[in-house]
Protein backbone atom coordinates (compact mmCIF):
# COMPACT_ATOMS: atom_id res chain seq x y z
CA MET A 1 40.80 -143.15 -223.94
CA ASN A 2 43.91 -144.97 -223.52
CA TYR A 3 44.69 -147.39 -220.75
CA LYS A 4 47.73 -148.89 -219.24
CA TYR A 5 47.25 -151.87 -216.79
CA TYR A 6 49.08 -151.73 -213.74
CA THR A 7 51.71 -154.20 -211.51
CA SER A 8 52.45 -153.66 -208.22
CA ASN A 9 55.68 -153.43 -207.22
CA ASN A 10 55.22 -156.58 -204.87
CA ASN A 11 56.17 -158.59 -207.95
CA GLY A 12 52.48 -159.00 -209.22
CA GLN A 13 50.88 -160.71 -206.82
CA ASP A 14 48.49 -157.87 -205.23
CA ASP A 15 47.56 -155.57 -207.51
CA TYR A 16 45.12 -154.10 -204.66
CA GLY A 17 42.32 -154.15 -206.83
CA LEU A 18 43.18 -151.37 -209.40
CA LYS A 19 42.96 -152.86 -212.78
CA CYS A 20 43.94 -150.30 -215.06
CA VAL A 21 45.05 -146.87 -214.92
CA ASN A 22 43.73 -144.12 -217.82
CA ASP A 23 45.92 -141.19 -219.26
CA ASN A 24 45.31 -139.09 -216.00
CA GLY A 25 46.38 -141.51 -213.05
CA TYR A 26 42.83 -142.93 -212.73
CA GLY A 27 42.48 -146.25 -211.59
CA LEU A 28 39.04 -147.99 -213.06
CA ILE A 29 38.18 -151.58 -212.14
CA CYS A 30 38.19 -152.17 -208.46
CA LYS A 31 36.49 -155.11 -206.42
CA ASP A 32 34.76 -153.36 -204.38
CA TYR A 33 35.01 -149.56 -205.26
CA LYS A 34 35.68 -147.53 -207.91
CA LEU A 35 39.61 -146.21 -207.34
CA GLU A 36 40.91 -142.50 -208.07
CA PHE A 37 44.45 -143.28 -206.45
CA PRO A 38 47.30 -145.69 -207.78
CA PRO A 39 49.95 -146.60 -205.63
CA GLN A 40 52.81 -143.85 -204.80
CA GLN A 41 54.69 -142.46 -202.14
CA GLN A 42 56.67 -139.31 -201.40
CA ASP A 43 60.17 -139.20 -199.34
CA VAL A 44 59.68 -135.81 -198.59
CA GLN A 45 57.25 -133.78 -195.84
CA PRO A 46 54.81 -132.17 -196.27
CA GLY A 47 54.96 -133.60 -200.08
CA MET A 48 54.68 -131.90 -203.35
CA GLU A 49 51.07 -131.52 -205.31
CA TYR A 50 52.95 -131.41 -208.84
CA LEU A 51 53.95 -135.39 -208.18
CA MET A 52 50.80 -136.32 -207.58
CA ARG A 53 48.37 -138.31 -210.05
CA PRO A 54 46.31 -137.81 -210.36
CA ARG A 55 46.17 -134.07 -209.46
CA PRO A 56 44.08 -132.69 -206.75
CA ILE A 57 40.72 -130.72 -207.64
CA PHE A 58 41.56 -127.35 -206.06
CA ASP A 59 39.13 -125.27 -208.12
CA ASN A 60 35.24 -125.85 -208.95
CA PRO A 61 34.91 -123.27 -211.68
CA TYR A 62 31.07 -123.23 -211.45
CA TYR A 63 31.88 -121.52 -208.15
CA ILE A 64 31.05 -117.81 -208.56
CA GLY A 65 32.26 -115.51 -205.71
CA SER A 66 29.66 -112.39 -204.25
CA GLY A 67 32.22 -110.80 -202.44
CA LYS A 68 31.78 -111.78 -199.17
CA LEU A 69 35.42 -111.42 -198.56
CA MET A 70 36.26 -107.99 -200.25
CA ASN A 71 39.05 -105.97 -199.31
CA LYS A 72 40.12 -108.55 -196.69
CA VAL A 73 44.00 -109.50 -196.04
CA ALA A 74 44.52 -113.72 -195.36
CA ILE A 75 46.91 -115.30 -194.49
CA ILE A 76 47.38 -118.82 -195.32
CA THR A 77 49.66 -121.28 -194.20
CA GLY A 78 50.28 -124.14 -196.35
CA GLY A 79 48.07 -122.33 -198.85
CA ASP A 80 50.57 -123.55 -201.09
CA SER A 81 48.85 -126.94 -202.48
CA GLY A 82 46.32 -129.33 -201.06
CA ILE A 83 43.77 -127.78 -198.92
CA GLY A 84 45.20 -124.53 -198.45
CA ARG A 85 45.73 -123.99 -202.17
CA ALA A 86 42.21 -124.66 -202.59
CA VAL A 87 40.98 -122.31 -199.80
CA ALA A 88 43.52 -119.28 -201.17
CA VAL A 89 41.58 -119.99 -204.92
CA GLY A 90 38.53 -119.66 -202.81
CA PHE A 91 39.19 -116.44 -200.75
CA VAL A 92 40.33 -114.65 -203.91
CA LYS A 93 37.30 -115.15 -205.72
CA GLU A 94 35.57 -113.73 -202.48
CA GLY A 95 37.42 -110.73 -202.98
CA ALA A 96 40.31 -111.17 -200.66
CA THR A 97 44.04 -110.81 -200.75
CA VAL A 98 46.22 -113.89 -199.76
CA VAL A 99 49.44 -113.96 -198.42
CA ILE A 100 50.55 -117.46 -198.79
CA VAL A 101 53.00 -119.37 -196.23
CA TYR A 102 55.26 -122.33 -197.36
CA TYR A 103 57.51 -124.37 -196.40
CA ASN A 104 60.07 -125.02 -199.69
CA GLU A 105 57.61 -126.65 -202.34
CA LYS A 106 57.99 -123.51 -204.70
CA LYS A 107 56.97 -125.22 -208.02
CA ASP A 108 53.26 -125.58 -206.13
CA ALA A 109 53.51 -122.30 -204.89
CA GLU A 110 54.56 -120.45 -207.96
CA GLU A 111 51.60 -122.58 -209.78
CA THR A 112 48.99 -121.30 -207.02
CA LYS A 113 50.08 -117.45 -207.21
CA ALA A 114 50.13 -117.55 -211.11
CA PHE A 115 46.40 -119.64 -210.87
CA ILE A 116 44.94 -116.64 -208.75
CA GLU A 117 46.64 -113.72 -210.71
CA ARG A 118 44.87 -115.47 -214.11
CA LEU A 119 41.67 -114.84 -211.80
CA GLY A 120 42.79 -111.50 -211.28
CA GLY A 121 43.67 -111.50 -207.55
CA THR A 122 46.34 -110.45 -205.75
CA CYS A 123 49.14 -113.71 -203.84
CA VAL A 124 51.94 -112.76 -202.21
CA LEU A 125 54.01 -115.79 -201.44
CA MET A 126 56.69 -116.20 -198.47
CA GLU A 127 58.66 -119.35 -197.86
CA GLY A 128 60.10 -120.18 -194.48
CA ASP A 129 59.45 -122.44 -191.47
CA ILE A 130 56.67 -121.53 -189.17
CA LYS A 131 58.45 -123.24 -185.97
CA ASP A 132 60.89 -120.34 -186.19
CA THR A 133 59.49 -117.10 -184.47
CA CYS A 134 61.56 -115.03 -186.13
CA PHE A 135 60.11 -115.75 -189.69
CA CYS A 136 56.08 -115.61 -188.66
CA ASP A 137 57.38 -112.21 -186.79
CA ARG A 138 58.36 -111.67 -190.73
CA ILE A 139 55.14 -112.81 -192.11
CA VAL A 140 53.01 -110.24 -190.01
CA ASP A 141 55.14 -107.55 -190.46
CA GLU A 142 55.66 -107.92 -194.26
CA THR A 143 52.17 -108.42 -194.48
CA MET A 144 51.22 -105.38 -192.57
CA LYS A 145 53.61 -103.12 -194.30
CA LYS A 146 52.07 -104.41 -197.83
CA PHE A 147 48.16 -104.50 -196.86
CA GLY A 148 48.08 -102.50 -193.62
CA ARG A 149 45.81 -104.55 -192.35
CA ILE A 150 45.17 -108.65 -191.40
CA ASP A 151 41.15 -110.26 -191.17
CA ILE A 152 41.94 -113.58 -191.77
CA LEU A 153 44.59 -116.28 -190.56
CA VAL A 154 43.88 -119.72 -191.77
CA ASN A 155 46.40 -122.54 -190.01
CA ASN A 156 46.68 -125.10 -192.25
CA ALA A 157 50.28 -126.21 -192.34
CA GLY A 158 51.09 -129.72 -190.69
CA VAL A 159 53.32 -132.89 -191.52
CA GLN A 160 52.27 -136.04 -190.38
CA TYR A 161 54.46 -139.31 -190.32
CA GLN A 162 53.23 -143.20 -190.49
CA GLN A 163 54.88 -145.21 -188.04
CA LYS A 164 53.44 -148.63 -186.84
CA SER A 165 54.09 -148.48 -183.31
CA LEU A 166 55.02 -145.68 -180.40
CA LEU A 167 58.08 -147.96 -180.27
CA ASP A 168 59.30 -146.25 -183.38
CA ILE A 169 58.34 -142.74 -182.69
CA THR A 170 61.68 -141.07 -182.23
CA ASP A 171 61.97 -138.35 -180.14
CA GLU A 172 63.28 -136.29 -183.21
CA GLN A 173 59.92 -136.77 -185.08
CA PHE A 174 57.59 -136.03 -181.78
CA ASP A 175 59.03 -132.75 -181.45
CA LEU A 176 59.03 -132.63 -185.01
CA THR A 177 55.33 -132.78 -185.41
CA MET A 178 54.47 -130.95 -182.44
CA LYS A 179 56.66 -128.00 -183.14
CA THR A 180 55.36 -128.15 -186.90
CA ASN A 181 51.47 -128.82 -186.04
CA ILE A 182 50.83 -127.29 -182.78
CA TYR A 183 53.73 -124.71 -182.46
CA GLY A 184 53.97 -123.01 -185.07
CA MET A 185 50.25 -122.21 -185.02
CA PHE A 186 50.45 -120.27 -181.52
CA TYR A 187 53.51 -118.71 -182.80
CA LEU A 188 51.86 -116.78 -185.50
CA THR A 189 48.68 -116.53 -184.23
CA LYS A 190 50.20 -114.76 -181.17
CA ARG A 191 51.61 -112.19 -183.73
CA VAL A 192 48.84 -111.77 -185.58
CA LEU A 193 46.65 -111.41 -182.84
CA LYS A 194 47.68 -107.80 -182.09
CA HIS A 195 46.63 -106.73 -185.57
CA LEU A 196 42.99 -108.07 -185.41
CA CYS A 197 39.81 -106.37 -185.36
CA PRO A 198 36.24 -106.84 -184.66
CA GLY A 199 35.16 -109.20 -187.32
CA ALA A 200 38.72 -110.70 -187.65
CA SER A 201 38.28 -114.92 -188.08
CA ILE A 202 40.79 -117.39 -187.30
CA ILE A 203 40.73 -120.43 -188.82
CA ASN A 204 42.71 -123.73 -187.24
CA VAL A 205 42.77 -126.97 -189.10
CA THR A 206 42.58 -130.17 -186.60
CA SER A 207 41.58 -133.58 -188.27
CA ILE A 208 38.88 -136.55 -188.59
CA THR A 209 41.76 -138.76 -186.48
CA THR A 210 41.26 -136.51 -183.27
CA PHE A 211 38.11 -138.33 -182.80
CA LYS A 212 38.55 -141.53 -184.32
CA GLY A 213 42.24 -142.00 -183.47
CA GLU A 214 44.35 -143.59 -185.83
CA PRO A 215 46.58 -146.57 -184.66
CA GLU A 216 49.48 -145.29 -187.00
CA LEU A 217 49.42 -141.77 -186.36
CA ILE A 218 50.00 -141.14 -182.78
CA ASP A 219 51.96 -137.91 -182.86
CA TYR A 220 50.01 -136.48 -184.94
CA VAL A 221 46.99 -137.36 -183.62
CA THR A 222 48.37 -135.70 -180.67
CA SER A 223 49.04 -132.36 -182.25
CA LYS A 224 45.90 -132.04 -183.65
CA GLY A 225 44.09 -132.91 -180.59
CA ALA A 226 45.86 -130.14 -179.15
CA ILE A 227 44.50 -127.82 -182.01
CA VAL A 228 41.16 -128.36 -180.75
CA GLY A 229 41.70 -127.16 -177.38
CA PHE A 230 43.35 -124.45 -178.62
CA THR A 231 40.73 -123.55 -180.62
CA ARG A 232 38.33 -123.62 -178.17
CA SER A 233 40.18 -121.82 -175.59
CA LEU A 234 41.49 -118.83 -177.76
CA ALA A 235 37.59 -118.43 -178.77
CA THR A 236 36.22 -118.25 -175.44
CA ASN A 237 39.11 -115.46 -174.31
CA LEU A 238 38.25 -113.44 -177.80
CA ALA A 239 34.73 -113.78 -177.82
CA SER A 240 33.91 -110.53 -176.22
CA LYS A 241 36.55 -109.12 -178.58
CA ASN A 242 34.25 -109.95 -181.82
CA ILE A 243 37.42 -112.54 -183.01
CA ARG A 244 36.07 -115.38 -184.18
CA VAL A 245 38.03 -118.82 -183.59
CA ASN A 246 36.73 -121.84 -185.25
CA ALA A 247 38.62 -125.30 -186.49
CA VAL A 248 37.78 -127.46 -189.63
CA SER A 249 38.33 -131.26 -189.11
CA PRO A 250 38.61 -132.74 -193.08
CA GLY A 251 38.63 -136.60 -193.15
CA VAL A 252 40.42 -137.96 -195.93
CA PHE A 253 41.26 -135.77 -198.81
CA TRP A 254 43.31 -136.50 -201.64
CA THR A 255 46.53 -133.50 -200.95
CA PRO A 256 50.21 -134.12 -201.06
CA LEU A 257 50.55 -134.89 -197.26
CA GLN A 258 48.92 -138.12 -198.22
CA PRO A 259 51.64 -139.84 -200.14
CA ALA A 260 54.05 -138.24 -198.70
CA CYS A 261 52.89 -140.28 -194.95
CA TRP A 262 51.45 -143.35 -196.19
CA GLU A 263 53.21 -146.68 -197.71
CA ALA A 264 52.12 -146.92 -201.33
CA GLU A 265 49.80 -149.73 -200.95
CA LYS A 266 47.61 -148.20 -198.73
CA ILE A 267 46.94 -144.80 -201.51
CA PRO A 268 44.22 -146.90 -203.34
CA THR A 269 42.15 -147.04 -200.69
CA LEU A 270 41.96 -143.71 -198.98
CA GLY A 271 38.61 -142.60 -197.97
CA SER A 272 36.62 -146.16 -199.38
CA ASP A 273 35.87 -146.50 -195.60
CA ALA A 274 33.28 -143.57 -195.74
CA PRO A 275 30.02 -143.70 -196.45
CA MET A 276 30.28 -141.64 -199.64
CA GLY A 277 32.74 -144.82 -200.81
CA ARG A 278 36.16 -141.94 -201.73
CA ALA A 279 38.42 -139.51 -200.50
CA GLY A 280 37.68 -135.70 -200.89
CA HIS A 281 39.05 -133.38 -203.10
CA PRO A 282 40.23 -129.99 -201.82
CA TYR A 283 37.21 -128.03 -203.97
CA GLU A 284 34.77 -129.89 -201.77
CA ILE A 285 35.95 -128.38 -198.33
CA ALA A 286 37.16 -124.69 -199.58
CA PRO A 287 33.71 -123.41 -198.85
CA LEU A 288 33.50 -124.06 -195.13
CA PHE A 289 36.47 -122.04 -195.01
CA ILE A 290 34.65 -119.37 -197.12
CA TYR A 291 31.81 -119.66 -194.33
CA LEU A 292 33.87 -119.51 -191.33
CA ALA A 293 35.85 -116.23 -192.70
CA SER A 294 33.25 -113.97 -193.48
CA SER A 295 30.22 -112.44 -191.91
CA ASP A 296 28.06 -115.22 -192.85
CA SER A 297 29.05 -117.40 -189.70
CA SER A 298 29.22 -113.89 -187.62
CA TYR A 299 27.68 -116.18 -184.76
CA VAL A 300 29.33 -118.97 -184.65
CA THR A 301 33.03 -119.27 -182.64
CA GLY A 302 34.33 -121.94 -180.52
CA GLN A 303 33.18 -124.68 -183.21
CA VAL A 304 35.10 -127.77 -184.91
CA MET A 305 33.17 -128.49 -188.37
CA HIS A 306 33.71 -131.98 -189.51
CA ILE A 307 33.93 -132.55 -193.48
CA ASN A 308 34.45 -136.11 -194.31
CA GLY A 309 32.17 -137.82 -196.72
CA GLY A 310 30.14 -139.21 -193.28
CA GLU A 311 32.63 -140.92 -192.32
CA TYR A 312 32.87 -139.45 -188.69
CA LYS A 313 29.22 -138.04 -187.61
CA GLY A 314 30.51 -135.61 -184.58
């Protein structure tokens, strides 16, 4: 294997422990732990997976579906990349049809659709902004028109912005974060709800930061905390209708959200403080979504499921 030596942007004064990078972009030698991600940064939100080095691992080729979601129709926001892409692939392997909602990551979305179609699955792409109630109406209307049912809603889309201080968070940024992460979830869930039947599943994505706090993601953590409250209250409200509502709380995963948020020099140490000493890859969390979407979790509602390499135990 060929290697190339890495020099930081800081005039070579600090390589953040990264000594060399292989052809796939993996850092190989580190002071205290193996580095997988060389420094990188994107200037767009919510980030583009095709620009990441190395690419996130979204599919486990050894995972064989058993029809747990056969004939189900799932809407997945942010399903073009990262965790959403892994979930979409996992659902399709279990027999579901997926409607992937994305903002503007067209290349990633097309790549995901092509992969799903190679698996023999059905995938519909819908581009738009979930902050727009009219777009949320269109998502539901077109899904019902095409497939006649909605069984699963995965509210995964979100943005996060690194700021050193509360004083650095503009009113506009706070508004954007809240409207994307919680308003959009509220809008779409409300519109999907009237089409859900007993046995349906709503899965919301919160974050480990809700339970630990993150000093440089104050507005993001605020929005993710709201998702926990939304999940628990809605679950109680819908329990008698046998519509389950749960949340997944990821730790640090290698997704486009990371280089789109953090300064480049933070990337090599992502996840290094977890007991497992690394960040997760999207394929490692997808089976939890399959469990929550399927009848395997028929007596599970109002729960927040943590998956974080042992970093937080709650």
